[in-house]
Amino acid sequence: MMRRSKKERLEAKGWRFGTAQEFLGLSDEETAYVELRLRLADSLRLRRQKRKLSQTDLAKLLRSSQSRVAKMEGGDALGASNRDLARTISGASLPKASWGAVR
């Protein structure tokens, strides 16, 4: 959070402040969708790191590529659907023999 004195100085110089939603002109639904994607991506990254897996290790377990895992963790809309992210986080997209390695 920005200090109030700094914000006041910037506003006096003509700077404006607002949210990403206001800046991008997003609806409430679009904002909720973006926030969901970011939470899913963060959850995937944190779970992978907690299990001390590299992106390459997770990609092998998923029978995918490291670049796809990176896109999923980055919230890239082309990297994975919400369903793909949720399935990966839950372990549902893994071969049964790999479940213990990720959960």
PDB file of N, CA and C in Angstrom:
ATOM      1  N   MET A   1       0.841  -1.177   0.000  1.00  0.00           N
ATOM      2  CA  MET A   1       0.000   0.000   0.000  1.00  0.00           C
ATOM      3  C   MET A   1       0.884   1.236   0.000  1.00  0.00           C
ATOM      4  N   MET A   2       0.476   2.227  -0.744  1.00  0.00           N
ATOM      5  CA  MET A   2       1.242   3.452  -0.866  1.00  0.00           C
ATOM      6  C   MET A   2       0.979   4.363   0.335  1.00  0.00           C
ATOM      7  N   ARG A   3       2.033   5.036   0.776  1.00  0.00           N
ATOM      8  CA  ARG A   3       1.864   6.000   1.862  1.00  0.00           C
ATOM      9  C   ARG A   3       0.924   7.112   1.403  1.00  0.00           C
ATOM     10  N   ARG A   4       0.104   7.567   2.329  1.00  0.00           N
ATOM     11  CA  ARG A   4      -0.879   8.599   1.996  1.00  0.00           C
ATOM     12  C   ARG A   4      -0.201   9.878   1.516  1.00  0.00           C
ATOM     13  N   SER A   5       0.908  10.260   2.145  1.00  0.00           N
ATOM     14  CA  SER A   5       1.594  11.507   1.740  1.00  0.00           C
ATOM     15  C   SER A   5       2.102  11.412   0.298  1.00  0.00           C
ATOM     16  N   LYS A   6       2.616  10.249  -0.078  1.00  0.00           N
ATOM     17  CA  LYS A   6       3.097  10.076  -1.453  1.00  0.00           C
ATOM     18  C   LYS A   6       1.929  10.125  -2.433  1.00  0.00           C
ATOM     19  N   LYS A   7       0.832   9.459  -2.071  1.00  0.00           N
ATOM     20  CA  LYS A   7      -0.346   9.465  -2.945  1.00  0.00           C
ATOM     21  C   LYS A   7      -0.862  10.891  -3.135  1.00  0.00           C
ATOM     22  N   GLU A   8      -0.902  11.663  -2.066  1.00  0.00           N
ATOM     23  CA  GLU A   8      -1.380  13.043  -2.154  1.00  0.00           C
ATOM     24  C   GLU A   8      -0.469  13.897  -3.048  1.00  0.00           C
ATOM     25  N   ARG A   9       0.851  13.689  -2.929  1.00  0.00           N
ATOM     26  CA  ARG A   9       1.790  14.426  -3.792  1.00  0.00           C
ATOM     27  C   ARG A   9       1.565  14.084  -5.260  1.00  0.00           C
ATOM     28  N   LEU A  10       1.391  12.792  -5.548  1.00  0.00           N
ATOM     29  CA  LEU A  10       1.172  12.377  -6.933  1.00  0.00           C
ATOM     30  C   LEU A  10      -0.156  12.897  -7.477  1.00  0.00           C
ATOM     31  N   GLU A  11      -1.200  12.839  -6.646  1.00  0.00           N
ATOM     32  CA  GLU A  11      -2.507  13.356  -7.083  1.00  0.00           C
ATOM     33  C   GLU A  11      -2.424  14.849  -7.376  1.00  0.00           C
ATOM     34  N   ALA A  12      -1.650  15.583  -6.583  1.00  0.00           N
ATOM     35  CA  ALA A  12      -1.476  17.018  -6.804  1.00  0.00           C
ATOM     36  C   ALA A  12      -0.791  17.296  -8.145  1.00  0.00           C
ATOM     37  N   LYS A  13      -0.013  16.318  -8.631  1.00  0.00           N
ATOM     38  CA  LYS A  13       0.678  16.455  -9.916  1.00  0.00           C
ATOM     39  C   LYS A  13      -0.133  15.891 -11.070  1.00  0.00           C
ATOM     40  N   GLY A  14      -1.382  15.471 -10.781  1.00  0.00           N
ATOM     41  CA  GLY A  14      -2.256  15.006 -11.848  1.00  0.00           C
ATOM     42  C   GLY A  14      -2.391  13.505 -11.997  1.00  0.00           C
ATOM     43  N   TRP A  15      -1.715  12.731 -11.165  1.00  0.00           N
ATOM     44  CA  TRP A  15      -1.843  11.276 -11.230  1.00  0.00           C
ATOM     45  C   TRP A  15      -3.209  10.860 -10.711  1.00  0.00           C
ATOM     46  N   ARG A  16      -3.741   9.805 -11.293  1.00  0.00           N
ATOM     47  CA  ARG A  16      -5.021   9.259 -10.833  1.00  0.00           C
ATOM     48  C   ARG A  16      -4.799   7.843 -10.345  1.00  0.00           C
ATOM     49  N   PHE A  17      -5.628   7.403  -9.414  1.00  0.00           N
ATOM     50  CA  PHE A  17      -5.512   6.070  -8.841  1.00  0.00           C
ATOM     51  C   PHE A  17      -6.833   5.341  -8.974  1.00  0.00           C
ATOM     52  N   GLY A  18      -6.757   4.056  -9.171  1.00  0.00           N
ATOM     53  CA  GLY A  18      -7.954   3.228  -9.284  1.00  0.00           C
ATOM     54  C   GLY A  18      -7.569   1.763  -9.286  1.00  0.00           C
ATOM     55  N   THR A  19      -8.519   0.936  -9.601  1.00  0.00           N
ATOM     56  CA  THR A  19      -8.303  -0.511  -9.623  1.00  0.00           C
ATOM     57  C   THR A  19      -8.024  -0.979 -11.050  1.00  0.00           C
ATOM     58  N   ALA A  20      -7.519  -2.195 -11.148  1.00  0.00           N
ATOM     59  CA  ALA A  20      -7.319  -2.795 -12.477  1.00  0.00           C
ATOM     60  C   ALA A  20      -8.658  -2.934 -13.188  1.00  0.00           C
ATOM     61  N   GLN A  21      -9.702  -3.233 -12.430  1.00  0.00           N
ATOM     62  CA  GLN A  21     -11.037  -3.366 -13.012  1.00  0.00           C
ATOM     63  C   GLN A  21     -11.470  -2.055 -13.657  1.00  0.00           C
ATOM     64  N   GLU A  22     -11.242  -0.948 -12.972  1.00  0.00           N
ATOM     65  CA  GLU A  22     -11.609   0.354 -13.518  1.00  0.00           C
ATOM     66  C   GLU A  22     -10.742   0.696 -14.741  1.00  0.00           C
ATOM     67  N   PHE A  23      -9.455   0.450 -14.630  1.00  0.00           N
ATOM     68  CA  PHE A  23      -8.524   0.786 -15.706  1.00  0.00           C
ATOM     69  C   PHE A  23      -8.841   0.007 -16.981  1.00  0.00           C
ATOM     70  N   LEU A  24      -9.148  -1.288 -16.823  1.00  0.00           N
ATOM     71  CA  LEU A  24      -9.415  -2.145 -17.980  1.00  0.00           C
ATOM     72  C   LEU A  24     -10.882  -2.156 -18.395  1.00  0.00           C
ATOM     73  N   GLY A  25     -11.737  -1.549 -17.590  1.00  0.00           N
ATOM     74  CA  GLY A  25     -13.163  -1.526 -17.908  1.00  0.00           C
ATOM     75  C   GLY A  25     -13.809  -2.898 -17.818  1.00  0.00           C
ATOM     76  N   LEU A  26     -13.402  -3.696 -16.824  1.00  0.00           N
ATOM     77  CA  LEU A  26     -13.931  -5.051 -16.685  1.00  0.00           C
ATOM     78  C   LEU A  26     -15.238  -5.051 -15.914  1.00  0.00           C
ATOM     79  N   SER A  27     -16.117  -5.969 -16.279  1.00  0.00           N
ATOM     80  CA  SER A  27     -17.346  -6.164 -15.509  1.00  0.00           C
ATOM     81  C   SER A  27     -16.992  -6.921 -14.231  1.00  0.00           C
ATOM     82  N   ASP A  28     -17.935  -7.006 -13.303  1.00  0.00           N
ATOM     83  CA  ASP A  28     -17.709  -7.770 -12.070  1.00  0.00           C
ATOM     84  C   ASP A  28     -17.425  -9.231 -12.395  1.00  0.00           C
ATOM     85  N   GLU A  29     -18.122  -9.775 -13.390  1.00  0.00           N
ATOM     86  CA  GLU A  29     -17.932 -11.182 -13.775  1.00  0.00           C
ATOM     87  C   GLU A  29     -16.538 -11.400 -14.365  1.00  0.00           C
ATOM     88  N   GLU A  30     -16.098 -10.467 -15.211  1.00  0.00           N
ATOM     89  CA  GLU A  30     -14.763 -10.583 -15.799  1.00  0.00           C
ATOM     90  C   GLU A  30     -13.683 -10.480 -14.728  1.00  0.00           C
ATOM     91  N   THR A  31     -13.884  -9.595 -13.778  1.00  0.00           N
ATOM     92  CA  THR A  31     -12.928  -9.446 -12.680  1.00  0.00           C
ATOM     93  C   THR A  31     -12.873 -10.721 -11.846  1.00  0.00           C
ATOM     94  N   ALA A  32     -14.028 -11.308 -11.559  1.00  0.00           N
ATOM     95  CA  ALA A  32     -14.070 -12.552 -10.792  1.00  0.00           C
ATOM     96  C   ALA A  32     -13.360 -13.675 -11.544  1.00  0.00           C
ATOM     97  N   TYR A  33     -13.534 -13.722 -12.858  1.00  0.00           N
ATOM     98  CA  TYR A  33     -12.881 -14.740 -13.677  1.00  0.00           C
ATOM     99  C   TYR A  33     -11.357 -14.589 -13.627  1.00  0.00           C
ATOM    100  N   VAL A  34     -10.877 -13.368 -13.779  1.00  0.00           N
ATOM    101  CA  VAL A  34      -9.431 -13.115 -13.722  1.00  0.00           C
ATOM    102  C   VAL A  34      -8.886 -13.512 -12.355  1.00  0.00           C
ATOM    103  N   GLU A  35      -9.588 -13.140 -11.297  1.00  0.00           N
ATOM    104  CA  GLU A  35      -9.138 -13.476  -9.949  1.00  0.00           C
ATOM    105  C   GLU A  35      -9.133 -14.988  -9.721  1.00  0.00           C
ATOM    106  N   LEU A  36     -10.125 -15.695 -10.259  1.00  0.00           N
ATOM    107  CA  LEU A  36     -10.164 -17.156 -10.157  1.00  0.00           C
ATOM    108  C   LEU A  36      -8.948 -17.767 -10.845  1.00  0.00           C
ATOM    109  N   ARG A  37      -8.661 -17.322 -12.059  1.00  0.00           N
ATOM    110  CA  ARG A  37      -7.505 -17.850 -12.800  1.00  0.00           C
ATOM    111  C   ARG A  37      -6.209 -17.621 -12.027  1.00  0.00           C
ATOM    112  N   LEU A  38      -6.064 -16.444 -11.448  1.00  0.00           N
ATOM    113  CA  LEU A  38      -4.848 -16.146 -10.700  1.00  0.00           C
ATOM    114  C   LEU A  38      -4.743 -16.996  -9.435  1.00  0.00           C
ATOM    115  N   ARG A  39      -5.864 -17.207  -8.744  1.00  0.00           N
ATOM    116  CA  ARG A  39      -5.839 -18.065  -7.542  1.00  0.00           C
ATOM    117  C   ARG A  39      -5.516 -19.502  -7.898  1.00  0.00           C
ATOM    118  N   LEU A  40      -6.093 -20.018  -8.986  1.00  0.00           N
ATOM    119  CA  LEU A  40      -5.793 -21.385  -9.411  1.00  0.00           C
ATOM    120  C   LEU A  40      -4.320 -21.519  -9.792  1.00  0.00           C
ATOM    121  N   ALA A  41      -3.800 -20.541 -10.521  1.00  0.00           N
ATOM    122  CA  ALA A  41      -2.394 -20.585 -10.934  1.00  0.00           C
ATOM    123  C   ALA A  41      -1.469 -20.525  -9.725  1.00  0.00           C
ATOM    124  N   ASP A  42      -1.764 -19.638  -8.781  1.00  0.00           N
ATOM    125  CA  ASP A  42      -0.942 -19.545  -7.568  1.00  0.00           C
ATOM    126  C   ASP A  42      -0.996 -20.830  -6.768  1.00  0.00           C
ATOM    127  N   SER A  43      -2.184 -21.423  -6.672  1.00  0.00           N
ATOM    128  CA  SER A  43      -2.339 -22.670  -5.925  1.00  0.00           C
ATOM    129  C   SER A  43      -1.508 -23.789  -6.548  1.00  0.00           C
ATOM    130  N   LEU A  44      -1.520 -23.880  -7.857  1.00  0.00           N
ATOM    131  CA  LEU A  44      -0.732 -24.902  -8.540  1.00  0.00           C
ATOM    132  C   LEU A  44       0.754 -24.711  -8.252  1.00  0.00           C
ATOM    133  N   ARG A  45       1.243 -23.486  -8.384  1.00  0.00           N
ATOM    134  CA  ARG A  45       2.660 -23.205  -8.149  1.00  0.00           C
ATOM    135  C   ARG A  45       3.054 -23.514  -6.709  1.00  0.00           C
ATOM    136  N   LEU A  46       2.232 -23.079  -5.742  1.00  0.00           N
ATOM    137  CA  LEU A  46       2.541 -23.316  -4.334  1.00  0.00           C
ATOM    138  C   LEU A  46       2.545 -24.804  -3.993  1.00  0.00           C
ATOM    139  N   ARG A  47       1.585 -25.551  -4.526  1.00  0.00           N
ATOM    140  CA  ARG A  47       1.539 -27.002  -4.261  1.00  0.00           C
ATOM    141  C   ARG A  47       2.742 -27.706  -4.877  1.00  0.00           C
ATOM    142  N   ARG A  48       3.138 -27.285  -6.068  1.00  0.00           N
ATOM    143  CA  ARG A  48       4.310 -27.886  -6.712  1.00  0.00           C
ATOM    144  C   ARG A  48       5.556 -27.602  -5.890  1.00  0.00           C
ATOM    145  N   GLN A  49       5.719 -26.354  -5.465  1.00  0.00           N
ATOM    146  CA  GLN A  49       6.897 -25.978  -4.691  1.00  0.00           C
ATOM    147  C   GLN A  49       6.921 -26.676  -3.330  1.00  0.00           C
ATOM    148  N   LYS A  50       5.757 -26.809  -2.709  1.00  0.00           N
ATOM    149  CA  LYS A  50       5.666 -27.479  -1.408  1.00  0.00           C
ATOM    150  C   LYS A  50       6.166 -28.917  -1.512  1.00  0.00           C
ATOM    151  N   ARG A  51       5.923 -29.541  -2.639  1.00  0.00           N
ATOM    152  CA  ARG A  51       6.346 -30.930  -2.856  1.00  0.00           C
ATOM    153  C   ARG A  51       7.740 -31.034  -3.463  1.00  0.00           C
ATOM    154  N   LYS A  52       8.396 -29.851  -3.561  1.00  0.00           N
ATOM    155  CA  LYS A  52       9.766 -29.780  -4.078  1.00  0.00           C
ATOM    156  C   LYS A  52       9.911 -30.394  -5.472  1.00  0.00           C
ATOM    157  N   LEU A  53       8.907 -30.123  -6.310  1.00  0.00           N
ATOM    158  CA  LEU A  53       8.938 -30.575  -7.694  1.00  0.00           C
ATOM    159  C   LEU A  53       9.306 -29.403  -8.590  1.00  0.00           C
ATOM    160  N   SER A  54      10.112 -29.655  -9.591  1.00  0.00           N
ATOM    161  CA  SER A  54      10.369 -28.632 -10.602  1.00  0.00           C
ATOM    162  C   SER A  54       9.196 -28.635 -11.579  1.00  0.00           C
ATOM    163  N   GLN A  55       9.126 -27.618 -12.416  1.00  0.00           N
ATOM    164  CA  GLN A  55       8.086 -27.610 -13.451  1.00  0.00           C
ATOM    165  C   GLN A  55       8.258 -28.811 -14.367  1.00  0.00           C
ATOM    166  N   THR A  56       9.480 -29.182 -14.635  1.00  0.00           N
ATOM    167  CA  THR A  56       9.752 -30.333 -15.496  1.00  0.00           C
ATOM    168  C   THR A  56       9.274 -31.626 -14.836  1.00  0.00           C
ATOM    169  N   ASP A  57       9.530 -31.766 -13.523  1.00  0.00           N
ATOM    170  CA  ASP A  57       9.067 -32.954 -12.793  1.00  0.00           C
ATOM    171  C   ASP A  57       7.542 -33.072 -12.861  1.00  0.00           C
ATOM    172  N   LEU A  58       6.850 -31.957 -12.603  1.00  0.00           N
ATOM    173  CA  LEU A  58       5.390 -31.981 -12.643  1.00  0.00           C
ATOM    174  C   LEU A  58       4.898 -32.285 -14.054  1.00  0.00           C
ATOM    175  N   ALA A  59       5.547 -31.712 -15.043  1.00  0.00           N
ATOM    176  CA  ALA A  59       5.151 -31.964 -16.436  1.00  0.00           C
ATOM    177  C   ALA A  59       5.253 -33.449 -16.763  1.00  0.00           C
ATOM    178  N   LYS A  60       6.308 -34.100 -16.299  1.00  0.00           N
ATOM    179  CA  LYS A  60       6.455 -35.539 -16.549  1.00  0.00           C
ATOM    180  C   LYS A  60       5.327 -36.316 -15.882  1.00  0.00           C
ATOM    181  N   LEU A  61       4.974 -35.941 -14.654  1.00  0.00           N
ATOM    182  CA  LEU A  61       3.871 -36.618 -13.968  1.00  0.00           C
ATOM    183  C   LEU A  61       2.547 -36.425 -14.702  1.00  0.00           C
ATOM    184  N   LEU A  62       2.386 -35.265 -15.302  1.00  0.00           N
ATOM    185  CA  LEU A  62       1.150 -34.936 -16.020  1.00  0.00           C
ATOM    186  C   LEU A  62       1.167 -35.418 -17.465  1.00  0.00           C
ATOM    187  N   ARG A  63       2.318 -35.938 -17.890  1.00  0.00           N
ATOM    188  CA  ARG A  63       2.504 -36.310 -19.298  1.00  0.00           C
ATOM    189  C   ARG A  63       2.264 -35.092 -20.190  1.00  0.00           C
ATOM    190  N   SER A  64       2.924 -34.005 -19.788  1.00  0.00           N
ATOM    191  CA  SER A  64       2.791 -32.737 -20.488  1.00  0.00           C
ATOM    192  C   SER A  64       4.185 -32.151 -20.675  1.00  0.00           C
ATOM    193  N   SER A  65       4.256 -30.857 -20.919  1.00  0.00           N
ATOM    194  CA  SER A  65       5.545 -30.202 -21.124  1.00  0.00           C
ATOM    195  C   SER A  65       5.789 -29.163 -20.032  1.00  0.00           C
ATOM    196  N   GLN A  66       7.050 -28.848 -19.830  1.00  0.00           N
ATOM    197  CA  GLN A  66       7.408 -27.819 -18.852  1.00  0.00           C
ATOM    198  C   GLN A  66       6.793 -26.483 -19.231  1.00  0.00           C
ATOM    199  N   SER A  67       6.770 -26.173 -20.517  1.00  0.00           N
ATOM    200  CA  SER A  67       6.218 -24.883 -20.938  1.00  0.00           C
ATOM    201  C   SER A  67       4.729 -24.782 -20.621  1.00  0.00           C
ATOM    202  N   ARG A  68       4.010 -25.899 -20.733  1.00  0.00           N
ATOM    203  CA  ARG A  68       2.582 -25.876 -20.389  1.00  0.00           C
ATOM    204  C   ARG A  68       2.395 -25.652 -18.891  1.00  0.00           C
ATOM    205  N   VAL A  69       3.232 -26.296 -18.075  1.00  0.00           N
ATOM    206  CA  VAL A  69       3.157 -26.074 -16.624  1.00  0.00           C
ATOM    207  C   VAL A  69       3.439 -24.609 -16.322  1.00  0.00           C
ATOM    208  N   ALA A  70       4.452 -24.032 -16.968  1.00  0.00           N
ATOM    209  CA  ALA A  70       4.774 -22.618 -16.761  1.00  0.00           C
ATOM    210  C   ALA A  70       3.590 -21.732 -17.146  1.00  0.00           C
ATOM    211  N   LYS A  71       2.939 -22.046 -18.249  1.00  0.00           N
ATOM    212  CA  LYS A  71       1.764 -21.269 -18.664  1.00  0.00           C
ATOM    213  C   LYS A  71       0.635 -21.419 -17.659  1.00  0.00           C
ATOM    214  N   MET A  72       0.426 -22.631 -17.157  1.00  0.00           N
ATOM    215  CA  MET A  72      -0.624 -22.854 -16.164  1.00  0.00           C
ATOM    216  C   MET A  72      -0.333 -22.052 -14.899  1.00  0.00           C
ATOM    217  N   GLU A  73       0.923 -22.052 -14.453  1.00  0.00           N
ATOM    218  CA  GLU A  73       1.286 -21.311 -13.251  1.00  0.00           C
ATOM    219  C   GLU A  73       1.237 -19.806 -13.478  1.00  0.00           C
ATOM    220  N   GLY A  74       1.412 -19.381 -14.714  1.00  0.00           N
ATOM    221  CA  GLY A  74       1.358 -17.965 -15.037  1.00  0.00           C
ATOM    222  C   GLY A  74      -0.045 -17.449 -15.277  1.00  0.00           C
ATOM    223  N   GLY A  75      -1.033 -18.347 -15.243  1.00  0.00           N
ATOM    224  CA  GLY A  75      -2.408 -17.941 -15.480  1.00  0.00           C
ATOM    225  C   GLY A  75      -2.698 -17.658 -16.938  1.00  0.00           C
ATOM    226  N   ASP A  76      -1.835 -18.121 -17.832  1.00  0.00           N
ATOM    227  CA  ASP A  76      -1.998 -17.902 -19.265  1.00  0.00           C
ATOM    228  C   ASP A  76      -3.304 -18.531 -19.745  1.00  0.00           C
ATOM    229  N   ALA A  77      -4.136 -17.730 -20.364  1.00  0.00           N
ATOM    230  CA  ALA A  77      -5.433 -18.222 -20.831  1.00  0.00           C
ATOM    231  C   ALA A  77      -5.288 -19.333 -21.862  1.00  0.00           C
ATOM    232  N   LEU A  78      -4.189 -19.340 -22.608  1.00  0.00           N
ATOM    233  CA  LEU A  78      -3.989 -20.376 -23.613  1.00  0.00           C
ATOM    234  C   LEU A  78      -3.302 -21.610 -23.030  1.00  0.00           C
ATOM    235  N   GLY A  79      -2.753 -21.492 -21.824  1.00  0.00           N
ATOM    236  CA  GLY A  79      -2.016 -22.591 -21.218  1.00  0.00           C
ATOM    237  C   GLY A  79      -2.903 -23.705 -20.719  1.00  0.00           C
ATOM    238  N   ALA A  80      -4.051 -23.372 -20.163  1.00  0.00           N
ATOM    239  CA  ALA A  80      -4.938 -24.392 -19.613  1.00  0.00           C
ATOM    240  C   ALA A  80      -6.282 -23.771 -19.265  1.00  0.00           C
ATOM    241  N   SER A  81      -7.302 -24.592 -19.291  1.00  0.00           N
ATOM    242  CA  SER A  81      -8.627 -24.129 -18.880  1.00  0.00           C
ATOM    243  C   SER A  81      -8.709 -24.156 -17.354  1.00  0.00           C
ATOM    244  N   ASN A  82      -9.733 -23.524 -16.802  1.00  0.00           N
ATOM    245  CA  ASN A  82      -9.952 -23.591 -15.359  1.00  0.00           C
ATOM    246  C   ASN A  82     -10.081 -25.042 -14.917  1.00  0.00           C
ATOM    247  N   ARG A  83     -10.772 -25.858 -15.716  1.00  0.00           N
ATOM    248  CA  ARG A  83     -10.949 -27.273 -15.389  1.00  0.00           C
ATOM    249  C   ARG A  83      -9.590 -27.987 -15.361  1.00  0.00           C
ATOM    250  N   ASP A  84      -8.725 -27.710 -16.359  1.00  0.00           N
ATOM    251  CA  ASP A  84      -7.388 -28.311 -16.380  1.00  0.00           C
ATOM    252  C   ASP A  84      -6.605 -27.927 -15.129  1.00  0.00           C
ATOM    253  N   LEU A  85      -6.650 -26.645 -14.770  1.00  0.00           N
ATOM    254  CA  LEU A  85      -5.935 -26.197 -13.575  1.00  0.00           C
ATOM    255  C   LEU A  85      -6.466 -26.896 -12.327  1.00  0.00           C
ATOM    256  N   ALA A  86      -7.780 -26.942 -12.186  1.00  0.00           N
ATOM    257  CA  ALA A  86      -8.383 -27.566 -11.004  1.00  0.00           C
ATOM    258  C   ALA A  86      -8.064 -29.056 -10.948  1.00  0.00           C
ATOM    259  N   ARG A  87      -8.112 -29.732 -12.097  1.00  0.00           N
ATOM    260  CA  ARG A  87      -7.799 -31.171 -12.126  1.00  0.00           C
ATOM    261  C   ARG A  87      -6.338 -31.415 -11.759  1.00  0.00           C
ATOM    262  N   THR A  88      -5.456 -30.569 -12.231  1.00  0.00           N
ATOM    263  CA  THR A  88      -4.040 -30.724 -11.918  1.00  0.00           C
ATOM    264  C   THR A  88      -3.796 -30.501 -10.430  1.00  0.00           C
ATOM    265  N   ILE A  89      -4.407 -29.464  -9.864  1.00  0.00           N
ATOM    266  CA  ILE A  89      -4.250 -29.166  -8.444  1.00  0.00           C
ATOM    267  C   ILE A  89      -4.774 -30.324  -7.598  1.00  0.00           C
ATOM    268  N   SER A  90      -5.903 -30.903  -8.001  1.00  0.00           N
ATOM    269  CA  SER A  90      -6.509 -31.988  -7.221  1.00  0.00           C
ATOM    270  C   SER A  90      -5.809 -33.320  -7.445  1.00  0.00           C
ATOM    271  N   GLY A  91      -5.002 -33.417  -8.492  1.00  0.00           N
ATOM    272  CA  GLY A  91      -4.333 -34.673  -8.806  1.00  0.00           C
ATOM    273  C   GLY A  91      -5.152 -35.573  -9.701  1.00  0.00           C
ATOM    274  N   ALA A  92      -6.325 -35.128 -10.129  1.00  0.00           N
ATOM    275  CA  ALA A  92      -7.229 -35.974 -10.927  1.00  0.00           C
ATOM    276  C   ALA A  92      -6.686 -36.267 -12.321  1.00  0.00           C
ATOM    277  N   SER A  93      -5.770 -35.443 -12.821  1.00  0.00           N
ATOM    278  CA  SER A  93      -5.273 -35.670 -14.178  1.00  0.00           C
ATOM    279  C   SER A  93      -3.991 -36.500 -14.192  1.00  0.00           C
ATOM    280  N   LEU A  94      -3.570 -36.977 -13.027  1.00  0.00           N
ATOM    281  CA  LEU A  94      -2.355 -37.757 -12.936  1.00  0.00           C
ATOM    282  C   LEU A  94      -2.642 -39.238 -13.043  1.00  0.00           C
ATOM    283  N   PRO A  95      -1.693 -40.000 -13.578  1.00  0.00           N
ATOM    284  CA  PRO A  95      -1.840 -41.450 -13.535  1.00  0.00           C
ATOM    285  C   PRO A  95      -1.886 -41.888 -12.073  1.00  0.00           C
ATOM    286  N   LYS A  96      -2.682 -42.897 -11.744  1.00  0.00           N
ATOM    287  CA  LYS A  96      -2.859 -43.301 -10.346  1.00  0.00           C
ATOM    288  C   LYS A  96      -1.547 -43.576  -9.639  1.00  0.00           C
ATOM    289  N   ALA A  97      -0.561 -44.116 -10.312  1.00  0.00           N
ATOM    290  CA  ALA A  97       0.723 -44.433  -9.685  1.00  0.00           C
ATOM    291  C   ALA A  97       1.454 -43.167  -9.238  1.00  0.00           C
ATOM    292  N   SER A  98       1.108 -42.002  -9.784  1.00  0.00           N
ATOM    293  CA  SER A  98       1.804 -40.761  -9.457  1.00  0.00           C
ATOM    294  C   SER A  98       1.128 -39.960  -8.362  1.00  0.00           C
ATOM    295  N   TRP A  99      -0.059 -40.326  -7.934  1.00  0.00           N
ATOM    296  CA  TRP A  99      -0.812 -39.504  -6.998  1.00  0.00           C
ATOM    297  C   TRP A  99      -0.044 -39.206  -5.719  1.00  0.00           C
ATOM    298  N   GLY A 100       0.637 -40.183  -5.180  1.00  0.00           N
ATOM    299  CA  GLY A 100       1.363 -39.974  -3.945  1.00  0.00           C
ATOM    300  C   GLY A 100       2.464 -38.946  -4.079  1.00  0.00           C
ATOM    301  N   ALA A 101       3.032 -38.822  -5.264  1.00  0.00           N
ATOM    302  CA  ALA A 101       4.126 -37.887  -5.474  1.00  0.00           C
ATOM    303  C   ALA A 101       3.646 -36.444  -5.477  1.00  0.00           C
ATOM    304  N   VAL A 102       2.375 -36.212  -5.760  1.00  0.00           N
ATOM    305  CA  VAL A 102       1.894 -34.843  -5.889  1.00  0.00           C
ATOM    306  C   VAL A 102       1.025 -34.427  -4.724  1.00  0.00           C
ATOM    307  N   ARG A 103       0.289 -35.307  -4.128  1.00  0.00           N
ATOM    308  CA  ARG A 103      -0.613 -34.908  -3.037  1.00  0.00           C
ATOM    309  C   ARG A 103       0.106 -34.583  -1.767  1.00  0.00           C
TER     310      ARG A 103
END
